[in-house]
N, C-alpha and C. Protein backbone atom coordinates (compact mmCIF):
# COMPACT_ATOMS: atom_id res chain seq x y z
N MET A 1 -66.67 59.33 92.07
CA MET A 1 -67.81 59.94 91.43
C MET A 1 -67.91 59.52 89.97
N THR A 2 -66.79 59.22 89.37
CA THR A 2 -66.82 58.82 87.97
C THR A 2 -67.66 57.57 87.79
N PHE A 3 -67.48 56.59 88.66
CA PHE A 3 -68.29 55.37 88.55
C PHE A 3 -69.76 55.66 88.86
N ALA A 4 -69.99 56.52 89.83
CA ALA A 4 -71.36 56.86 90.20
C ALA A 4 -72.07 57.60 89.06
N TRP A 5 -71.36 58.49 88.41
CA TRP A 5 -71.99 59.30 87.37
C TRP A 5 -72.05 58.63 86.01
N TYR A 6 -71.03 57.82 85.67
CA TYR A 6 -70.95 57.28 84.32
C TYR A 6 -70.99 55.76 84.25
N GLY A 7 -70.84 55.08 85.37
CA GLY A 7 -70.86 53.62 85.37
C GLY A 7 -72.18 53.05 84.88
N HIS A 8 -73.27 53.74 85.20
CA HIS A 8 -74.58 53.24 84.75
C HIS A 8 -74.69 53.28 83.23
N LEU A 9 -73.96 54.17 82.58
CA LEU A 9 -73.98 54.20 81.12
C LEU A 9 -73.32 52.95 80.54
N LYS A 10 -72.26 52.49 81.20
CA LYS A 10 -71.61 51.25 80.76
C LYS A 10 -72.53 50.06 81.02
N LEU A 11 -73.19 50.06 82.18
CA LEU A 11 -74.14 48.97 82.46
C LEU A 11 -75.26 48.94 81.44
N GLN A 12 -75.71 50.11 81.04
CA GLN A 12 -76.77 50.19 80.03
C GLN A 12 -76.24 49.70 78.68
N GLU A 13 -75.01 50.07 78.35
CA GLU A 13 -74.39 49.63 77.11
C GLU A 13 -74.24 48.11 77.07
N MET A 14 -73.98 47.51 78.25
CA MET A 14 -73.81 46.06 78.35
C MET A 14 -75.16 45.35 78.49
N LYS A 15 -76.26 46.09 78.42
CA LYS A 15 -77.63 45.56 78.53
C LYS A 15 -77.92 44.99 79.92
N VAL A 16 -77.22 45.48 80.94
CA VAL A 16 -77.45 45.04 82.32
C VAL A 16 -78.58 45.84 82.95
N SER A 17 -78.58 47.14 82.72
CA SER A 17 -79.52 48.02 83.42
C SER A 17 -80.54 48.69 82.51
N THR A 18 -80.76 48.16 81.33
CA THR A 18 -81.67 48.83 80.39
C THR A 18 -83.10 48.92 80.90
N GLY A 19 -83.54 47.97 81.70
CA GLY A 19 -84.92 47.99 82.19
C GLY A 19 -85.07 48.60 83.57
N TRP A 20 -83.97 49.08 84.15
CA TRP A 20 -84.04 49.63 85.50
C TRP A 20 -84.73 50.99 85.50
N PRO A 21 -85.59 51.22 86.47
CA PRO A 21 -86.18 52.57 86.61
C PRO A 21 -85.10 53.58 87.00
N LEU A 22 -85.30 54.80 86.61
CA LEU A 22 -84.32 55.85 86.89
C LEU A 22 -84.04 55.99 88.38
N ILE A 23 -85.03 55.83 89.21
CA ILE A 23 -84.84 55.98 90.65
C ILE A 23 -83.85 54.94 91.19
N ILE A 24 -83.88 53.73 90.66
CA ILE A 24 -82.93 52.69 91.07
C ILE A 24 -81.51 53.08 90.66
N VAL A 25 -81.36 53.58 89.45
CA VAL A 25 -80.04 54.02 88.98
C VAL A 25 -79.52 55.15 89.86
N ILE A 26 -80.40 56.08 90.24
CA ILE A 26 -80.00 57.19 91.10
C ILE A 26 -79.56 56.69 92.48
N VAL A 27 -80.33 55.79 93.06
CA VAL A 27 -79.99 55.27 94.39
C VAL A 27 -78.66 54.52 94.36
N ILE A 28 -78.43 53.72 93.36
CA ILE A 28 -77.16 53.00 93.24
C ILE A 28 -76.01 53.97 93.04
N SER A 29 -76.22 54.98 92.19
CA SER A 29 -75.17 55.97 91.96
C SER A 29 -74.83 56.73 93.23
N TRP A 30 -75.84 57.15 93.95
CA TRP A 30 -75.59 57.88 95.20
C TRP A 30 -74.96 56.98 96.26
N SER A 31 -75.27 55.71 96.23
CA SER A 31 -74.62 54.78 97.16
C SER A 31 -73.12 54.68 96.88
N LEU A 32 -72.76 54.66 95.60
CA LEU A 32 -71.34 54.64 95.24
C LEU A 32 -70.67 55.96 95.60
N ALA A 33 -71.36 57.06 95.34
CA ALA A 33 -70.78 58.38 95.60
C ALA A 33 -70.58 58.63 97.09
N PHE A 34 -71.39 58.00 97.92
CA PHE A 34 -71.29 58.18 99.35
C PHE A 34 -69.88 57.90 99.86
N PHE A 35 -69.25 56.84 99.34
CA PHE A 35 -67.93 56.46 99.81
C PHE A 35 -66.86 57.47 99.39
N GLU A 36 -67.03 58.06 98.22
CA GLU A 36 -66.09 59.11 97.82
C GLU A 36 -66.26 60.34 98.70
N TYR A 37 -67.49 60.68 99.01
CA TYR A 37 -67.73 61.82 99.90
C TYR A 37 -67.13 61.56 101.28
N CYS A 38 -67.15 60.32 101.72
CA CYS A 38 -66.56 59.98 103.02
C CYS A 38 -65.05 60.25 103.03
N ALA A 39 -64.42 60.24 101.88
CA ALA A 39 -62.99 60.57 101.79
C ALA A 39 -62.78 62.05 101.47
N GLN A 40 -63.63 62.61 100.60
CA GLN A 40 -63.44 63.97 100.13
C GLN A 40 -63.70 65.02 101.21
N VAL A 41 -64.73 64.85 101.99
CA VAL A 41 -65.06 65.84 103.02
C VAL A 41 -63.95 65.96 104.06
N PRO A 42 -63.44 64.86 104.61
CA PRO A 42 -62.33 65.00 105.56
C PRO A 42 -61.07 65.57 104.89
N ALA A 43 -60.82 65.21 103.65
CA ALA A 43 -59.64 65.74 102.94
C ALA A 43 -59.74 67.25 102.81
N ASN A 44 -60.91 67.75 102.45
CA ASN A 44 -61.10 69.20 102.36
C ASN A 44 -60.95 69.86 103.71
N ARG A 45 -61.51 69.26 104.72
CA ARG A 45 -61.43 69.84 106.07
C ARG A 45 -59.97 69.90 106.54
N ILE A 46 -59.23 68.81 106.33
CA ILE A 46 -57.83 68.77 106.77
C ILE A 46 -56.96 69.71 105.93
N GLY A 47 -57.23 69.77 104.62
CA GLY A 47 -56.40 70.56 103.73
C GLY A 47 -56.68 72.05 103.74
N PHE A 48 -57.83 72.47 104.24
CA PHE A 48 -58.24 73.88 104.20
C PHE A 48 -57.40 74.73 105.15
N SER A 49 -56.91 75.84 104.66
CA SER A 49 -56.05 76.72 105.45
C SER A 49 -56.75 77.25 106.70
N GLY A 50 -58.06 77.39 106.67
CA GLY A 50 -58.80 77.83 107.84
C GLY A 50 -58.77 76.83 108.98
N ASN A 51 -58.41 75.59 108.67
CA ASN A 51 -58.30 74.54 109.68
C ASN A 51 -56.84 74.14 109.91
N GLY A 52 -55.93 74.95 109.43
CA GLY A 52 -54.51 74.65 109.62
C GLY A 52 -53.85 73.95 108.45
N GLY A 53 -54.61 73.68 107.40
CA GLY A 53 -54.04 73.02 106.22
C GLY A 53 -53.33 74.01 105.31
N PRO A 54 -52.71 73.51 104.25
CA PRO A 54 -51.90 74.37 103.38
C PRO A 54 -52.66 75.03 102.22
N PHE A 55 -53.94 74.70 101.98
CA PHE A 55 -54.62 75.15 100.76
C PHE A 55 -55.79 76.07 101.07
N ASN A 56 -55.98 77.07 100.18
CA ASN A 56 -57.20 77.87 100.28
C ASN A 56 -58.32 77.14 99.53
N ILE A 57 -59.51 77.66 99.60
CA ILE A 57 -60.67 76.95 99.05
C ILE A 57 -60.60 76.81 97.52
N ILE A 58 -60.06 77.82 96.85
CA ILE A 58 -59.92 77.76 95.39
C ILE A 58 -58.93 76.66 95.01
N GLN A 59 -57.83 76.59 95.72
CA GLN A 59 -56.83 75.55 95.44
C GLN A 59 -57.40 74.16 95.67
N LEU A 60 -58.16 74.00 96.74
CA LEU A 60 -58.79 72.70 97.00
C LEU A 60 -59.71 72.30 95.85
N LYS A 61 -60.49 73.24 95.35
CA LYS A 61 -61.43 72.94 94.25
C LYS A 61 -60.68 72.59 92.97
N VAL A 62 -59.62 73.33 92.67
CA VAL A 62 -58.84 73.04 91.47
C VAL A 62 -58.20 71.66 91.56
N ILE A 63 -57.65 71.33 92.72
CA ILE A 63 -57.08 69.99 92.93
C ILE A 63 -58.14 68.93 92.71
N GLN A 64 -59.32 69.12 93.28
CA GLN A 64 -60.41 68.14 93.16
C GLN A 64 -60.82 67.95 91.70
N GLU A 65 -60.92 69.05 90.96
CA GLU A 65 -61.34 68.95 89.56
C GLU A 65 -60.29 68.24 88.71
N VAL A 66 -59.04 68.55 88.93
CA VAL A 66 -57.97 67.92 88.15
C VAL A 66 -57.92 66.42 88.44
N ILE A 67 -58.02 66.05 89.71
CA ILE A 67 -58.02 64.62 90.05
C ILE A 67 -59.24 63.94 89.43
N SER A 68 -60.40 64.56 89.52
CA SER A 68 -61.62 63.98 88.94
C SER A 68 -61.48 63.76 87.44
N LEU A 69 -60.93 64.74 86.74
CA LEU A 69 -60.79 64.61 85.29
C LEU A 69 -59.72 63.59 84.90
N MET A 70 -58.67 63.46 85.71
CA MET A 70 -57.67 62.43 85.44
C MET A 70 -58.29 61.04 85.62
N VAL A 71 -59.02 60.84 86.70
CA VAL A 71 -59.67 59.55 86.93
C VAL A 71 -60.70 59.28 85.83
N PHE A 72 -61.47 60.30 85.48
CA PHE A 72 -62.47 60.16 84.42
C PHE A 72 -61.81 59.71 83.11
N THR A 73 -60.68 60.31 82.77
CA THR A 73 -59.99 59.96 81.52
C THR A 73 -59.55 58.51 81.53
N VAL A 74 -59.02 58.05 82.64
CA VAL A 74 -58.58 56.65 82.74
C VAL A 74 -59.78 55.71 82.63
N VAL A 75 -60.85 56.02 83.34
CA VAL A 75 -62.04 55.17 83.32
C VAL A 75 -62.64 55.11 81.92
N VAL A 76 -62.77 56.26 81.27
CA VAL A 76 -63.33 56.29 79.92
C VAL A 76 -62.46 55.51 78.95
N SER A 77 -61.15 55.63 79.11
CA SER A 77 -60.24 54.93 78.21
C SER A 77 -60.39 53.41 78.32
N PHE A 78 -60.68 52.92 79.52
CA PHE A 78 -60.80 51.48 79.71
C PHE A 78 -62.22 50.96 79.53
N LEU A 79 -63.22 51.69 79.99
CA LEU A 79 -64.59 51.19 79.93
C LEU A 79 -65.30 51.48 78.61
N PHE A 80 -65.05 52.63 78.05
CA PHE A 80 -65.75 53.03 76.83
C PHE A 80 -64.75 53.05 75.68
N LYS A 81 -64.56 51.91 75.07
CA LYS A 81 -63.53 51.74 74.05
C LYS A 81 -63.75 52.61 72.82
N GLY A 82 -64.98 52.99 72.54
CA GLY A 82 -65.26 53.82 71.37
C GLY A 82 -64.90 55.28 71.55
N GLN A 83 -64.55 55.67 72.76
CA GLN A 83 -64.21 57.06 73.05
C GLN A 83 -62.68 57.20 73.06
N SER A 84 -62.14 57.83 72.06
CA SER A 84 -60.68 57.99 72.00
C SER A 84 -60.31 59.44 72.32
N LEU A 85 -59.11 59.60 72.80
CA LEU A 85 -58.61 60.94 73.10
C LEU A 85 -58.19 61.62 71.81
N GLN A 86 -58.57 62.87 71.67
CA GLN A 86 -58.25 63.67 70.49
C GLN A 86 -57.31 64.81 70.91
N TRP A 87 -56.82 65.54 69.94
CA TRP A 87 -55.89 66.64 70.23
C TRP A 87 -56.52 67.68 71.15
N ASN A 88 -57.81 67.94 70.96
CA ASN A 88 -58.46 68.97 71.78
C ASN A 88 -58.60 68.54 73.24
N HIS A 89 -58.65 67.23 73.50
CA HIS A 89 -58.66 66.75 74.88
C HIS A 89 -57.31 67.04 75.54
N PHE A 90 -56.23 66.81 74.79
CA PHE A 90 -54.91 67.12 75.33
C PHE A 90 -54.73 68.62 75.54
N ALA A 91 -55.32 69.42 74.66
CA ALA A 91 -55.29 70.88 74.85
C ALA A 91 -56.04 71.26 76.12
N ALA A 92 -57.16 70.59 76.37
CA ALA A 92 -57.93 70.85 77.60
C ALA A 92 -57.12 70.47 78.83
N PHE A 93 -56.39 69.35 78.77
CA PHE A 93 -55.54 68.95 79.89
C PHE A 93 -54.43 69.97 80.13
N ALA A 94 -53.89 70.52 79.05
CA ALA A 94 -52.87 71.56 79.19
C ALA A 94 -53.47 72.78 79.89
N CYS A 95 -54.71 73.10 79.56
CA CYS A 95 -55.38 74.21 80.24
C CYS A 95 -55.57 73.91 81.72
N LEU A 96 -55.85 72.65 82.06
CA LEU A 96 -55.96 72.27 83.47
C LEU A 96 -54.64 72.45 84.21
N VAL A 97 -53.56 72.08 83.55
CA VAL A 97 -52.25 72.27 84.16
C VAL A 97 -52.01 73.76 84.39
N MET A 98 -52.40 74.59 83.43
CA MET A 98 -52.27 76.03 83.61
C MET A 98 -53.18 76.53 84.73
N ALA A 99 -54.37 75.95 84.87
CA ALA A 99 -55.28 76.34 85.96
C ALA A 99 -54.64 76.05 87.30
N VAL A 100 -54.00 74.88 87.41
CA VAL A 100 -53.32 74.54 88.66
C VAL A 100 -52.19 75.55 88.92
N PHE A 101 -51.43 75.85 87.88
CA PHE A 101 -50.33 76.81 88.02
C PHE A 101 -50.86 78.15 88.54
N PHE A 102 -51.89 78.67 87.90
CA PHE A 102 -52.42 79.98 88.29
C PHE A 102 -53.10 79.96 89.64
N ALA A 103 -53.74 78.86 89.99
CA ALA A 103 -54.40 78.76 91.30
C ALA A 103 -53.38 78.76 92.43
N PHE A 104 -52.19 78.24 92.17
CA PHE A 104 -51.17 78.17 93.21
C PHE A 104 -50.15 79.31 93.12
N LEU A 105 -50.31 80.18 92.14
CA LEU A 105 -49.41 81.31 91.98
C LEU A 105 -49.59 82.29 93.13
N LYS A 106 -48.52 82.71 93.72
CA LYS A 106 -48.58 83.67 94.85
C LYS A 106 -48.63 85.08 94.34
């Protein structure tokens, strides 16, 4: 989803997609997102405790958000060189670790 949501910004920055109509950008983004959904939906179905998996729905969502933000951070660090990590970003990551802890707390 990171590439689907933010990749077009890099293309625009590189002057590749500056003249593209918004509908084309949306279709390309959704085409990229389709493949992630093809992995995410089965993962949620398999992992959900209602289907015999080990996680409840809140835990699945927290896992998904943490993975998304980790991937986003790596992508931004490599694609958008002007965006640097600051202390408050690390504080936010610490809060995510705490969110995972509390979501899995019995």
